[in-house]
C-alpha atoms as a PDB file:
ATOM      1  CA  MET A   1      37.623  17.487   4.589  1.00  0.00           C
ATOM      2  CA  ILE A   2      35.101  17.640   1.428  1.00  0.00           C
ATOM      3  CA  LYS A   3      36.708  15.323  -0.191  1.00  0.00           C
ATOM      4  CA  LYS A   4      36.828  12.875   2.791  1.00  0.00           C
ATOM      5  CA  ILE A   5      33.096  12.945   3.011  1.00  0.00           C
ATOM      6  CA  LEU A   6      32.796  12.188  -1.059  1.00  0.00           C
ATOM      7  CA  GLY A   7      35.075   9.509  -0.614  1.00  0.00           C
ATOM      8  CA  PHE A   8      33.675   7.629   2.414  1.00  0.00           C
ATOM      9  CA  LEU A   9      30.656   8.199   0.769  1.00  0.00           C
ATOM     10  CA  PHE A  10      31.340   6.981  -2.977  1.00  0.00           C
ATOM     11  CA  SER A  11      33.170   4.158  -1.479  1.00  0.00           C
ATOM     12  CA  ALA A  12      33.088   0.037  -0.728  1.00  0.00           C
ATOM     13  CA  ARG A  13      33.747   0.003   2.519  1.00  0.00           C
ATOM     14  CA  MET A  14      30.267   2.491   2.607  1.00  0.00           C
ATOM     15  CA  THR A  15      28.761  -0.210   0.374  1.00  0.00           C
ATOM     16  CA  VAL A  16      29.514  -2.907   2.905  1.00  0.00           C
ATOM     17  CA  ILE A  17      27.633  -0.833   5.565  1.00  0.00           C
ATOM     18  CA  CYS A  18      24.583   0.533   4.020  1.00  0.00           C
ATOM     19  CA  LEU A  19      23.859  -3.765   3.198  1.00  0.00           C
ATOM     20  CA  LEU A  20      24.975  -4.209   6.642  1.00  0.00           C
ATOM     21  CA  LEU A  21      22.138  -1.315   7.716  1.00  0.00           C
ATOM     22  CA  MET A  22      19.957  -2.974   5.640  1.00  0.00           C
ATOM     23  CA  ALA A  23      19.770  -6.620   6.757  1.00  0.00           C
ATOM     24  CA  VAL A  24      19.581  -5.552  10.331  1.00  0.00           C
ATOM     25  CA  VAL A  25      16.253  -3.475   9.255  1.00  0.00           C
ATOM     26  CA  VAL A  26      14.851  -6.224   7.595  1.00  0.00           C
ATOM     27  CA  ILE A  27      15.221  -8.898  10.750  1.00  0.00           C
ATOM     28  CA  TRP A  28      14.248  -6.203  12.642  1.00  0.00           C
ATOM     29  CA  GLY A  29      10.793  -4.863  11.511  1.00  0.00           C
ATOM     30  CA  THR A  30       9.831  -8.757  10.435  1.00  0.00           C
ATOM     31  CA  ILE A  31      10.356  -9.008  14.437  1.00  0.00           C
ATOM     32  CA  PHE A  32       8.649  -6.072  15.381  1.00  0.00           C
ATOM     33  CA  GLU A  33       6.129  -7.180  12.703  1.00  0.00           C
ATOM     34  CA  ALA A  34       4.630 -10.527  15.074  1.00  0.00           C
ATOM     35  CA  SER A  35       4.075  -8.059  17.838  1.00  0.00           C
ATOM     36  CA  GLU A  36       2.729  -5.207  16.279  1.00  0.00           C
ATOM     37  CA  GLY A  37       1.152  -5.722  12.533  1.00  0.00           C
ATOM     38  CA  LEU A  38       2.038  -5.559   9.571  1.00  0.00           C
ATOM     39  CA  TYR A  39       0.860  -1.921   8.497  1.00  0.00           C
ATOM     40  CA  ALA A  40       2.863  -0.852  12.201  1.00  0.00           C
ATOM     41  CA  ALA A  41       5.922  -2.188  10.854  1.00  0.00           C
ATOM     42  CA  ARG A  42       5.834  -0.984   7.080  1.00  0.00           C
ATOM     43  CA  GLU A  43       5.293   2.086   8.242  1.00  0.00           C
ATOM     44  CA  ARG A  44       8.472   2.232  10.754  1.00  0.00           C
ATOM     45  CA  PHE A  45      10.757   1.120   9.400  1.00  0.00           C
ATOM     46  CA  PHE A  46       9.779   0.180   5.483  1.00  0.00           C
ATOM     47  CA  GLN A  47       8.360   3.747   4.616  1.00  0.00           C
ATOM     48  CA  SER A  48      10.428   5.602   6.678  1.00  0.00           C
ATOM     49  CA  TRP A  49      13.485   7.436   6.655  1.00  0.00           C
ATOM     50  CA  LEU A  50      14.180   7.003   9.976  1.00  0.00           C
ATOM     51  CA  THR A  51      12.626   4.248  12.435  1.00  0.00           C
ATOM     52  CA  GLY A  52      11.482   6.985  15.218  1.00  0.00           C
ATOM     53  CA  PHE A  53      12.632   4.743  18.208  1.00  0.00           C
ATOM     54  CA  ILE A  54      14.571   7.521  21.543  1.00  0.00           C
ATOM     55  CA  ILE A  55      17.972   6.869  19.336  1.00  0.00           C
ATOM     56  CA  PRO A  56      16.866   7.006  15.765  1.00  0.00           C
ATOM     57  CA  PHE A  57      18.174   4.565  13.817  1.00  0.00           C
ATOM     58  CA  PRO A  58      17.412   4.848   9.694  1.00  0.00           C
ATOM     59  CA  GLY A  59      15.226   3.386   8.034  1.00  0.00           C
ATOM     60  CA  ILE A  60      14.996   1.542   4.369  1.00  0.00           C
ATOM     61  CA  LYS A  61      13.938   4.954   2.341  1.00  0.00           C
ATOM     62  CA  LEU A  62      16.862   6.389   4.128  1.00  0.00           C
ATOM     63  CA  ILE A  63      19.601   3.295   3.439  1.00  0.00           C
ATOM     64  CA  SER A  64      18.587   3.129   0.153  1.00  0.00           C
ATOM     65  CA  LEU A  65      19.595   7.094  -1.115  1.00  0.00           C
ATOM     66  CA  LEU A  66      22.820   6.524   1.089  1.00  0.00           C
ATOM     67  CA  LEU A  67      22.939   3.908  -1.558  1.00  0.00           C
ATOM     68  CA  LEU A  68      21.795   5.132  -4.395  1.00  0.00           C
ATOM     69  CA  ILE A  69      24.607   8.411  -3.809  1.00  0.00           C
ATOM     70  CA  ASN A  70      27.354   5.805  -2.882  1.00  0.00           C
ATOM     71  CA  LEU A  71      26.013   3.684  -6.925  1.00  0.00           C
ATOM     72  CA  SER A  72      26.105   7.241  -8.201  1.00  0.00           C
ATOM     73  CA  GLY A  73      29.885   7.656  -7.718  1.00  0.00           C
ATOM     74  CA  SER A  74      30.651   4.337  -8.285  1.00  0.00           C
ATOM     75  CA  PHE A  75      28.991   5.242 -11.909  1.00  0.00           C
ATOM     76  CA  TRP A  76      30.850   8.460 -12.771  1.00  0.00           C
ATOM     77  CA  GLY A  77      33.748   5.940 -12.079  1.00  0.00           C
ATOM     78  CA  LEU A  78      33.110   3.941 -14.497  1.00  0.00           C
ATOM     79  CA  CYS A  79      32.244   6.507 -17.419  1.00  0.00           C
ATOM     80  CA  GLN A  80      35.410   6.711 -18.135  1.00  0.00           C
ATOM     81  CA  LYS A  81      36.056   4.340 -19.367  1.00  0.00           C
ATOM     82  CA  LEU A  82      32.450   3.787 -21.278  1.00  0.00           C
ATOM     83  CA  LEU A  83      33.256   1.597 -23.796  1.00  0.00           C
ATOM     84  CA  LYS A  84      34.873  -1.305 -21.581  1.00  0.00           C
ATOM     85  CA  ASN A  85      32.465  -0.931 -18.441  1.00  0.00           C
ATOM     86  CA  SER A  86      29.302  -0.579 -20.963  1.00  0.00           C
ATOM     87  CA  GLY A  87      28.098  -3.243 -19.344  1.00  0.00           C
ATOM     88  CA  LEU A  88      28.498  -2.487 -15.673  1.00  0.00           C
ATOM     89  CA  LEU A  89      27.069   0.967 -16.217  1.00  0.00           C
ATOM     90  CA  LEU A  90      23.746  -0.919 -16.930  1.00  0.00           C
ATOM     91  CA  ILE A  91      24.057  -3.230 -14.346  1.00  0.00           C
ATOM     92  CA  HIS A  92      24.195  -0.034 -12.169  1.00  0.00           C
ATOM     93  CA  LEU A  93      21.499   1.918 -14.026  1.00  0.00           C
ATOM     94  CA  GLY A  94      18.629  -1.043 -13.328  1.00  0.00           C
ATOM     95  CA  ILE A  95      20.071  -1.116  -9.201  1.00  0.00           C
ATOM     96  CA  ALA A  96      19.835   2.745  -9.238  1.00  0.00           C
ATOM     97  CA  LEU A  97      16.529   2.114 -10.915  1.00  0.00           C
ATOM     98  CA  LEU A  98      15.509  -0.368  -8.257  1.00  0.00           C
ATOM     99  CA  LEU A  99      16.913   1.701  -5.711  1.00  0.00           C
ATOM    100  CA  PHE A 100      14.772   5.230  -7.080  1.00  0.00           C
ATOM    101  CA  GLY A 101      11.366   2.899  -6.722  1.00  0.00           C
ATOM    102  CA  LEU A 102      11.921   1.731  -3.475  1.00  0.00           C
ATOM    103  CA  ILE A 103      12.676   5.266  -2.236  1.00  0.00           C
ATOM    104  CA  PHE A 104       9.589   6.660  -4.269  1.00  0.00           C
ATOM    105  CA  SER A 105       7.354   4.302  -5.283  1.00  0.00           C
ATOM    106  CA  ALA A 106       5.999   4.660  -1.010  1.00  0.00           C
ATOM    107  CA  GLN A 107       4.897   8.193  -2.755  1.00  0.00           C
ATOM    108  CA  PHE A 108       2.743   6.961  -4.771  1.00  0.00           C
ATOM    109  CA  THR A 109       1.123   3.433  -3.928  1.00  0.00           C
ATOM    110  CA  ARG A 110      -1.830   3.101  -2.332  1.00  0.00           C
ATOM    111  CA  GLU A 111      -3.783   0.248  -0.898  1.00  0.00           C
ATOM    112  CA  TYR A 112      -7.435  -0.313  -1.103  1.00  0.00           C
ATOM    113  CA  PHE A 113      -9.778  -3.450  -0.207  1.00  0.00           C
ATOM    114  CA  LEU A 114     -13.039  -5.003  -2.188  1.00  0.00           C
ATOM    115  CA  ASN A 115     -15.281  -7.073  -0.148  1.00  0.00           C
ATOM    116  CA  LEU A 116     -17.854  -8.803  -2.657  1.00  0.00           C
ATOM    117  CA  GLN A 117     -20.043 -11.892  -1.898  1.00  0.00           C
ATOM    118  CA  GLU A 118     -21.472 -14.227  -4.944  1.00  0.00           C
ATOM    119  CA  GLY A 119     -23.388 -11.813  -7.908  1.00  0.00           C
ATOM    120  CA  GLU A 120     -22.407  -8.901  -6.531  1.00  0.00           C
ATOM    121  CA  THR A 121     -20.209  -5.846  -8.476  1.00  0.00           C
ATOM    122  CA  ALA A 122     -18.572  -3.456  -7.939  1.00  0.00           C
ATOM    123  CA  SER A 123     -17.052  -0.301  -9.409  1.00  0.00           C
ATOM    124  CA  LEU A 124     -15.633   1.092  -6.079  1.00  0.00           C
ATOM    125  CA  ILE A 125     -12.494   0.557  -3.795  1.00  0.00           C
ATOM    126  CA  TYR A 126     -11.878   1.694  -0.333  1.00  0.00           C
ATOM    127  CA  SER A 127      -8.963   2.737   1.282  1.00  0.00           C
ATOM    128  CA  SER A 128      -7.490   0.278   3.445  1.00  0.00           C
ATOM    129  CA  SER A 129      -5.392   4.246   5.307  1.00  0.00           C
ATOM    130  CA  SER A 130      -7.964   7.300   4.477  1.00  0.00           C
ATOM    131  CA  PHE A 131     -11.171   8.012   6.406  1.00  0.00           C
ATOM    132  CA  GLU A 132     -13.714  10.463   5.989  1.00  0.00           C
ATOM    133  CA  LEU A 133     -16.734  11.082   8.073  1.00  0.00           C
ATOM    134  CA  ALA A 134     -19.902  10.793   6.150  1.00  0.00           C
ATOM    135  CA  VAL A 135     -24.143  11.022   6.342  1.00  0.00           C
ATOM    136  CA  TYR A 136     -26.288   8.579   5.610  1.00  0.00           C
ATOM    137  CA  LYS A 137     -29.680   7.632   5.770  1.00  0.00           C
ATOM    138  CA  GLN A 138     -31.556   3.938   5.516  1.00  0.00           C
ATOM    139  CA  ILE A 139     -34.446   3.874   2.607  1.00  0.00           C
ATOM    140  CA  HIS A 140     -34.437   0.724   2.206  1.00  0.00           C
ATOM    141  CA  PRO A 141     -33.302  -2.561   4.438  1.00  0.00           C
ATOM    142  CA  ASP A 142     -30.765  -3.337   1.922  1.00  0.00           C
ATOM    143  CA  ARG A 143     -29.886   0.217   0.473  1.00  0.00           C
ATOM    144  CA  PHE A 144     -28.583   3.332   1.787  1.00  0.00           C
ATOM    145  CA  GLU A 145     -28.838   6.700   0.899  1.00  0.00           C
ATOM    146  CA  PHE A 146     -25.024   8.395   0.887  1.00  0.00           C
ATOM    147  CA  TYR A 147     -24.912  12.566   0.756  1.00  0.00           C
ATOM    148  CA  ALA A 148     -22.357  13.211  -1.705  1.00  0.00           C
ATOM    149  CA  SER A 149     -21.628  16.485   0.193  1.00  0.00           C
ATOM    150  CA  ASP A 150     -22.166  14.924   3.339  1.00  0.00           C
ATOM    151  CA  SER A 151     -18.540  13.621   3.699  1.00  0.00           C
ATOM    152  CA  ILE A 152     -15.875  15.263   5.291  1.00  0.00           C
ATOM    153  CA  PRO A 153     -12.023  13.862   4.927  1.00  0.00           C
ATOM    154  CA  LEU A 154     -10.222  12.739   7.808  1.00  0.00           C
ATOM    155  CA  GLY A 155      -7.214  15.627   7.044  1.00  0.00           C
ATOM    156  CA  GLN A 156      -9.381  18.142   6.872  1.00  0.00           C
ATOM    157  CA  LEU A 157     -11.473  17.789  10.126  1.00  0.00           C
ATOM    158  CA  GLU A 158      -9.482  19.932  13.020  1.00  0.00           C
ATOM    159  CA  THR A 159     -10.158  19.386  16.618  1.00  0.00           C
ATOM    160  CA  GLY A 160     -12.063  22.070  17.923  1.00  0.00           C
ATOM    161  CA  LYS A 161     -13.700  23.103  14.735  1.00  0.00           C
ATOM    162  CA  GLU A 162     -17.098  23.094  14.437  1.00  0.00           C
ATOM    163  CA  VAL A 163     -18.237  20.378  11.198  1.00  0.00           C
ATOM    164  CA  SER A 164     -21.734  21.452   8.801  1.00  0.00           C
ATOM    165  CA  PHE A 165     -23.260  18.792   6.488  1.00  0.00           C
ATOM    166  CA  PRO A 166     -24.781  21.480   4.403  1.00  0.00           C
ATOM    167  CA  VAL A 167     -27.354  18.604   2.985  1.00  0.00           C
ATOM    168  CA  SER A 168     -28.429  16.607   6.146  1.00  0.00           C
ATOM    169  CA  GLY A 169     -28.188  19.561   8.793  1.00  0.00           C
ATOM    170  CA  VAL A 170     -26.103  17.709  11.102  1.00  0.00           C
ATOM    171  CA  LYS A 171     -23.606  19.990  12.603  1.00  0.00           C
ATOM    172  CA  CYS A 172     -20.632  18.570  15.493  1.00  0.00           C
ATOM    173  CA  LYS A 173     -18.058  20.014  17.432  1.00  0.00           C
ATOM    174  CA  ILE A 174     -14.632  17.855  17.061  1.00  0.00           C
ATOM    175  CA  LYS A 175     -13.451  17.622  20.367  1.00  0.00           C
ATOM    176  CA  SER A 176     -10.573  14.914  19.624  1.00  0.00           C
ATOM    177  CA  ILE A 177      -8.460  12.892  16.692  1.00  0.00           C
ATOM    178  CA  SER A 178      -6.524  10.306  17.493  1.00  0.00           C
ATOM    179  CA  LYS A 179      -5.081   7.076  15.764  1.00  0.00           C
ATOM    180  CA  ILE A 180      -4.933   4.113  17.901  1.00  0.00           C
ATOM    181  CA  LYS A 181      -3.611   0.199  18.048  1.00  0.00           C
ATOM    182  CA  ASN A 182      -5.669  -1.996  16.529  1.00  0.00           C
ATOM    183  CA  SER A 183      -6.693  -4.520  18.994  1.00  0.00           C
ATOM    184  CA  GLU A 184      -6.861  -7.460  16.430  1.00  0.00           C
ATOM    185  CA  LYS A 185      -3.847  -9.472  16.282  1.00  0.00           C
ATOM    186  CA  GLY A 186      -1.068  -8.753  13.726  1.00  0.00           C
ATOM    187  CA  GLY A 187      -3.750  -5.840  12.874  1.00  0.00           C
ATOM    188  CA  ASN A 188      -2.918  -4.477   9.803  1.00  0.00           C
ATOM    189  CA  THR A 189      -4.745  -1.031   9.652  1.00  0.00           C
ATOM    190  CA  PRO A 190      -4.732   2.137  11.202  1.00  0.00           C
ATOM    191  CA  VAL A 191      -7.729   2.132  13.856  1.00  0.00           C
ATOM    192  CA  TYR A 192      -8.657   6.116  14.299  1.00  0.00           C
ATOM    193  CA  GLN A 193     -11.174   7.506  16.953  1.00  0.00           C
ATOM    194  CA  ILE A 194     -12.969  10.711  16.766  1.00  0.00           C
ATOM    195  CA  ILE A 195     -14.531  12.060  19.946  1.00  0.00           C
ATOM    196  CA  LEU A 196     -17.346  14.719  19.234  1.00  0.00           C
ATOM    197  CA  THR A 197     -20.423  16.877  20.727  1.00  0.00           C
ATOM    198  CA  LEU A 198     -23.633  16.556  18.586  1.00  0.00           C
ATOM    199  CA  ASN A 199     -25.180  20.101  18.455  1.00  0.00           C
ATOM    200  CA  SER A 200     -29.130  20.804  17.396  1.00  0.00           C
ATOM    201  CA  PRO A 201     -31.213  20.278  16.002  1.00  0.00           C
ATOM    202  CA  CYS A 202     -29.581  16.420  16.119  1.00  0.00           C
ATOM    203  CA  ASN A 203     -29.523  13.921  19.211  1.00  0.00           C
ATOM    204  CA  SER A 204     -28.423  10.424  19.637  1.00  0.00           C
ATOM    205  CA  LYS A 205     -29.312   8.226  22.603  1.00  0.00           C
ATOM    206  CA  SER A 206     -25.927   8.008  23.443  1.00  0.00           C
ATOM    207  CA  GLY A 207     -25.871  11.197  24.735  1.00  0.00           C
ATOM    208  CA  ASN A 208     -24.283  14.553  22.745  1.00  0.00           C
ATOM    209  CA  GLU A 209     -20.523  12.881  23.286  1.00  0.00           C
ATOM    210  CA  LEU A 210     -20.205  10.803  20.641  1.00  0.00           C
ATOM    211  CA  ILE A 211     -17.095   8.327  20.236  1.00  0.00           C
ATOM    212  CA  LEU A 212     -16.996   7.410  16.253  1.00  0.00           C
ATOM    213  CA  LYS A 213     -13.747   4.584  15.419  1.00  0.00           C
ATOM    214  CA  SER A 214     -13.404   3.208  12.238  1.00  0.00           C
ATOM    215  CA  GLY A 215     -14.570   0.103  11.550  1.00  0.00           C
ATOM    216  CA  ASP A 216     -17.284   0.466  13.481  1.00  0.00           C
ATOM    217  CA  GLN A 217     -20.679   0.256  12.915  1.00  0.00           C
ATOM    218  CA  PRO A 218     -22.477   3.919  12.385  1.00  0.00           C
ATOM    219  CA  LEU A 219     -24.175   5.623  15.010  1.00  0.00           C
ATOM    220  CA  GLU A 220     -28.096   6.377  14.801  1.00  0.00           C
ATOM    221  CA  LEU A 221     -29.145   9.931  14.789  1.00  0.00           C
ATOM    222  CA  LYS A 222     -32.551  11.756  15.698  1.00  0.00           C
ATOM    223  CA  CYS A 223     -32.575  15.232  13.785  1.00  0.00           C
ATOM    224  CA  ASN A 224     -36.341  16.627  13.365  1.00  0.00           C
ATOM    225  CA  THR A 225     -38.352  13.719  12.501  1.00  0.00           C
ATOM    226  CA  GLU A 226     -35.213  12.164  10.754  1.00  0.00           C
ATOM    227  CA  THR A 227     -33.639   9.098  10.890  1.00  0.00           C
ATOM    228  CA  LEU A 228     -29.946   9.440   9.908  1.00  0.00           C
ATOM    229  CA  TYR A 229     -26.709   7.849  10.408  1.00  0.00           C
ATOM    230  CA  LEU A 230     -23.006   9.004  11.145  1.00  0.00           C
ATOM    231  CA  THR A 231     -19.783   6.971  10.838  1.00  0.00           C
ATOM    232  CA  LEU A 232     -16.443   6.855  10.166  1.00  0.00           C
ATOM    233  CA  ARG A 233     -15.659   5.533   6.642  1.00  0.00           C
ATOM    234  CA  PRO A 234     -12.638   4.135   4.587  1.00  0.00           C
ATOM    235  CA  VAL A 235     -12.729   6.846   1.097  1.00  0.00           C
ATOM    236  CA  SER A 236     -13.494   5.003  -1.804  1.00  0.00           C
ATOM    237  CA  ILE A 237     -12.325   5.446  -5.266  1.00  0.00           C
ATOM    238  CA  PRO A 238     -14.206   4.518  -8.398  1.00  0.00           C
ATOM    239  CA  LEU A 239     -12.156   1.336 -10.819  1.00  0.00           C
ATOM    240  CA  PRO A 240     -12.117   1.622 -14.777  1.00  0.00           C
ATOM    241  CA  ILE A 241     -14.224  -1.479 -14.385  1.00  0.00           C
ATOM    242  CA  SER A 242     -16.255  -3.209 -12.663  1.00  0.00           C
ATOM    243  CA  ILE A 243     -16.238  -6.869 -11.411  1.00  0.00           C
ATOM    244  CA  ARG A 244     -18.589  -9.051 -10.361  1.00  0.00           C
ATOM    245  CA  LEU A 245     -18.071 -12.714  -8.503  1.00  0.00           C
ATOM    246  CA  VAL A 246     -19.551 -14.926 -10.368  1.00  0.00           C
ATOM    247  CA  GLU A 247     -18.346 -18.035  -7.757  1.00  0.00           C
ATOM    248  CA  PHE A 248     -15.946 -17.988  -4.504  1.00  0.00           C
ATOM    249  CA  SER A 249     -15.051 -22.018  -3.526  1.00  0.00           C
ATOM    250  CA  LYS A 250     -12.548 -22.748  -1.051  1.00  0.00           C
ATOM    251  CA  ARG A 251     -10.296 -25.797   0.288  1.00  0.00           C
ATOM    252  CA  PHE A 252      -8.879 -27.001   3.511  1.00  0.00           C
ATOM    253  CA  HIS A 253      -6.592 -29.611   3.524  1.00  0.00           C
ATOM    254  CA  PRO A 254      -7.927 -33.192   4.514  1.00  0.00           C
ATOM    255  CA  GLY A 255      -9.107 -34.087   7.786  1.00  0.00           C
ATOM    256  CA  THR A 256      -8.495 -30.452   9.152  1.00  0.00           C
ATOM    257  CA  GLU A 257      -9.461 -26.502   9.270  1.00  0.00           C
ATOM    258  CA  ILE A 258      -6.654 -25.176   8.341  1.00  0.00           C
ATOM    259  CA  LEU A 259      -7.508 -23.502   4.583  1.00  0.00           C
ATOM    260  CA  LYS A 260      -5.603 -24.858   1.467  1.00  0.00           C
ATOM    261  CA  GLU A 261      -6.826 -22.366  -1.219  1.00  0.00           C
ATOM    262  CA  VAL A 262      -9.328 -19.228  -1.480  1.00  0.00           C
ATOM    263  CA  SER A 263     -10.403 -18.814  -5.655  1.00  0.00           C
ATOM    264  CA  SER A 264     -12.937 -16.434  -7.057  1.00  0.00           C
ATOM    265  CA  HIS A 265     -14.303 -17.001 -10.353  1.00  0.00           C
ATOM    266  CA  LEU A 266     -14.574 -13.189 -11.279  1.00  0.00           C
ATOM    267  CA  SER A 267     -16.502 -11.493 -14.355  1.00  0.00           C
ATOM    268  CA  VAL A 268     -14.452  -8.200 -14.887  1.00  0.00           C
ATOM    269  CA  ARG A 269     -15.993  -5.045 -17.594  1.00  0.00           C
ATOM    270  CA  SER A 270     -14.245  -2.378 -19.381  1.00  0.00           C
ATOM    271  CA  ASN A 271     -15.302  -0.141 -22.126  1.00  0.00           C
ATOM    272  CA  ASN A 272     -13.297  -2.057 -24.821  1.00  0.00           C
ATOM    273  CA  SER A 273     -13.946  -5.614 -23.364  1.00  0.00           C
ATOM    274  CA  ASP A 274     -15.655  -8.558 -21.134  1.00  0.00           C
ATOM    275  CA  ARG A 275     -13.705 -11.675 -19.248  1.00  0.00           C
ATOM    276  CA  ASP A 276     -13.675 -14.223 -16.955  1.00  0.00           C
ATOM    277  CA  VAL A 277     -10.770 -14.688 -14.997  1.00  0.00           C
ATOM    278  CA  ILE A 278     -10.032 -17.265 -11.733  1.00  0.00           C
ATOM    279  CA  VAL A 279      -8.383 -14.751  -8.760  1.00  0.00           C
ATOM    280  CA  SER A 280      -6.381 -17.131  -6.286  1.00  0.00           C
ATOM    281  CA  MET A 281      -3.822 -16.346  -3.383  1.00  0.00           C
ATOM    282  CA  ASN A 282      -0.961 -17.073  -5.951  1.00  0.00           C
ATOM    283  CA  LYS A 283      -2.834 -15.565  -9.213  1.00  0.00           C
ATOM    284  CA  PRO A 284      -3.759 -12.164  -8.689  1.00  0.00           C
ATOM    285  CA  LEU A 285      -6.001  -9.925 -11.426  1.00  0.00           C
ATOM    286  CA  ARG A 286      -4.133  -6.409 -13.128  1.00  0.00           C
ATOM    287  CA  TYR A 287      -5.333  -4.236 -14.785  1.00  0.00           C
ATOM    288  CA  GLU A 288      -3.624  -0.575 -15.612  1.00  0.00           C
ATOM    289  CA  SER A 289      -2.084   0.211 -12.265  1.00  0.00           C
ATOM    290  CA  PHE A 290      -4.373  -2.133 -10.299  1.00  0.00           C
ATOM    291  CA  THR A 291      -3.363  -5.045  -8.822  1.00  0.00           C
ATOM    292  CA  PHE A 292      -6.195  -7.406  -7.147  1.00  0.00           C
ATOM    293  CA  TYR A 293      -4.878  -9.597  -4.608  1.00  0.00           C
ATOM    294  CA  GLN A 294      -6.955 -12.795  -2.939  1.00  0.00           C
ATOM    295  CA  ALA A 295      -6.332 -11.792   1.200  1.00  0.00           C
ATOM    296  CA  SER A 296      -9.409 -13.757   2.657  1.00  0.00           C
ATOM    297  CA  PHE A 297     -12.591 -14.490   3.056  1.00  0.00           C
ATOM    298  CA  SER A 298     -15.087 -13.285   5.596  1.00  0.00           C
ATOM    299  CA  HIS A 299     -18.679 -14.009   7.132  1.00  0.00           C
ATOM    300  CA  GLN A 300     -21.819 -12.374   7.156  1.00  0.00           C
ATOM    301  CA  GLY A 301     -24.428 -13.922   8.959  1.00  0.00           C
ATOM    302  CA  GLU A 302     -24.958 -17.031   6.349  1.00  0.00           C
ATOM    303  CA  LYS A 303     -23.008 -15.017   3.399  1.00  0.00           C
ATOM    304  CA  GLU A 304     -19.520 -15.556   2.349  1.00  0.00           C
ATOM    305  CA  ILE A 305     -17.510 -12.922   1.332  1.00  0.00           C
ATOM    306  CA  SER A 306     -14.708 -12.691  -0.818  1.00  0.00           C
ATOM    307  CA  ASN A 307     -12.307 -10.246   0.274  1.00  0.00           C
ATOM    308  CA  PHE A 308      -9.572  -8.914  -2.027  1.00  0.00           C
ATOM    309  CA  SER A 309      -6.571  -6.338  -1.401  1.00  0.00           C
ATOM    310  CA  VAL A 310      -6.244  -3.703  -4.377  1.00  0.00           C
ATOM    311  CA  ILE A 311      -2.829  -2.510  -4.684  1.00  0.00           C
ATOM    312  CA  TYR A 312      -2.599   1.101  -6.803  1.00  0.00           C
ATOM    313  CA  ASN A 313       1.154   1.477  -8.146  1.00  0.00           C
ATOM    314  CA  PRO A 314       2.082   3.329 -11.258  1.00  0.00           C
ATOM    315  CA  HIS A 315       5.147   2.852 -10.946  1.00  0.00           C
ATOM    316  CA  ARG A 316       4.975  -1.481 -11.057  1.00  0.00           C
ATOM    317  CA  LEU A 317       6.708  -2.016 -14.155  1.00  0.00           C
ATOM    318  CA  PHE A 318       9.716  -0.048 -12.655  1.00  0.00           C
ATOM    319  CA  PRO A 319      11.594  -3.498 -11.278  1.00  0.00           C
ATOM    320  CA  TYR A 320      10.529  -5.388 -14.400  1.00  0.00           C
ATOM    321  CA  PHE A 321      12.823  -2.271 -16.716  1.00  0.00           C
ATOM    322  CA  ALA A 322      15.065  -2.477 -13.842  1.00  0.00           C
ATOM    323  CA  SER A 323      15.110  -6.588 -14.285  1.00  0.00           C
ATOM    324  CA  ILE A 324      16.119  -5.914 -17.752  1.00  0.00           C
ATOM    325  CA  LEU A 325      18.569  -3.476 -17.322  1.00  0.00           C
ATOM    326  CA  MET A 326      20.618  -5.906 -15.187  1.00  0.00           C
ATOM    327  CA  ILE A 327      20.195  -9.004 -17.255  1.00  0.00           C
ATOM    328  CA  GLY A 328      21.323  -7.178 -20.799  1.00  0.00           C
ATOM    329  CA  GLY A 329      24.266  -5.644 -18.947  1.00  0.00           C
ATOM    330  CA  PHE A 330      25.630  -8.883 -17.062  1.00  0.00           C
ATOM    331  CA  MET A 331      25.513 -10.554 -20.363  1.00  0.00           C
ATOM    332  CA  ILE A 332      26.898  -7.599 -22.689  1.00  0.00           C
ATOM    333  CA  HIS A 333      29.955  -7.762 -19.544  1.00  0.00           C
ATOM    334  CA  LEU A 334      30.410 -11.830 -19.813  1.00  0.00           C
ATOM    335  CA  MET A 335      30.305 -10.600 -23.867  1.00  0.00           C
ATOM    336  CA  ILE A 336      33.168  -8.044 -24.040  1.00  0.00           C
ATOM    337  CA  LEU A 337      34.892 -10.501 -20.879  1.00  0.00           C
ATOM    338  CA  THR A 338      35.133 -13.977 -23.399  1.00  0.00           C
ATOM    339  CA  LEU A 339      36.175 -11.302 -26.553  1.00  0.00           C
ATOM    340  CA  ARG A 340      38.982  -9.904 -24.336  1.00  0.00           C
ATOM    341  CA  LYS A 341      40.056 -13.261 -23.090  1.00  0.00           C
ATOM    342  CA  TYR A 342      40.117 -14.506 -26.793  1.00  0.00           C
ATOM    343  CA  VAL A 343      41.680 -11.283 -27.999  1.00  0.00           C
ATOM    344  CA  GLU A 344      44.718 -11.734 -25.066  1.00  0.00           C
ATOM    345  CA  SER A 345      44.752 -15.658 -26.684  1.00  0.00           C
ATOM    346  CA  LYS A 346      45.628 -15.132 -29.864  1.00  0.00           C
ATOM    347  CA  PRO A 347      49.112 -15.788 -30.682  1.00  0.00           C
ATOM    348  CA  LYS A 348      50.975 -11.761 -31.786  1.00  0.00           C
ATOM    349  CA  LYS A 349      52.341 -11.529 -35.166  1.00  0.00           C
ATOM    350  CA  SER A 350      56.255 -11.051 -35.002  1.00  0.00           C
END
């Protein structure tokens, strides 16, 4: 029985089934994305083991794992004639590295965003999916003071538990935490909602029971004689560089309002160097494990804001290594076949 199962797992039939399943998931996920948004499609189809419907269907990660197991059987068979199959072995290693990256890179890849206006400098980026409950006060119309210790990650909040912010003195009780559908068409980020009850000495114009959603404006609180703000904000992380937007530009197709190109002239400063770069839709900025993509632009009053999508991927070089292995393996295999044909074509000495 075990031999039959292993034989099926390592067979060419299993390879075909996995490839067909992968094609179905890709098409299904693309159709699902059109109505539910990129984030929901990626979470359900491309970064999951099972799709999560009433009848479970394998996700890309599970199919990739089965392909990896199937590939290991072929790899073991090729190892029996190491020299003869050296090129094929390298090709299999390259494919295995690609599948390994597909399965596990999602565990380490993080998505962030950065919004800049001309002349603004930033050394922080903000998470697209992780949020925290934070308290701050406004010390100037354009300046805010965030209390470093008065922010609590969303993952540490529990329904029914009381939360205390030690510096500001704000206390509240969490009634519910939920993830709701993004109301924006094609919304790519999740929306979290917290319902909480304020405790003394703070109160709000909206009453003591408040509803906070990620992406909404902060709620104003009156705590004794002080005005504070409570917000559900994206978690921020520091960058190893500072980025200043020197100039933002956009072009439209002639005679239309259809955007043709968006680009940003950035000044990038690190410990070792200063350099100027142009980031556009098809030309990202790469620095160590960070990649900055020109996503779009927005308006804040009369000011134009350049929007960047930032991907942190410590394993972003995996596909390059895998491609080198596969190309090298193909060339070696071709050389071996050519050499074998040449040797076989030579007339044998009698």
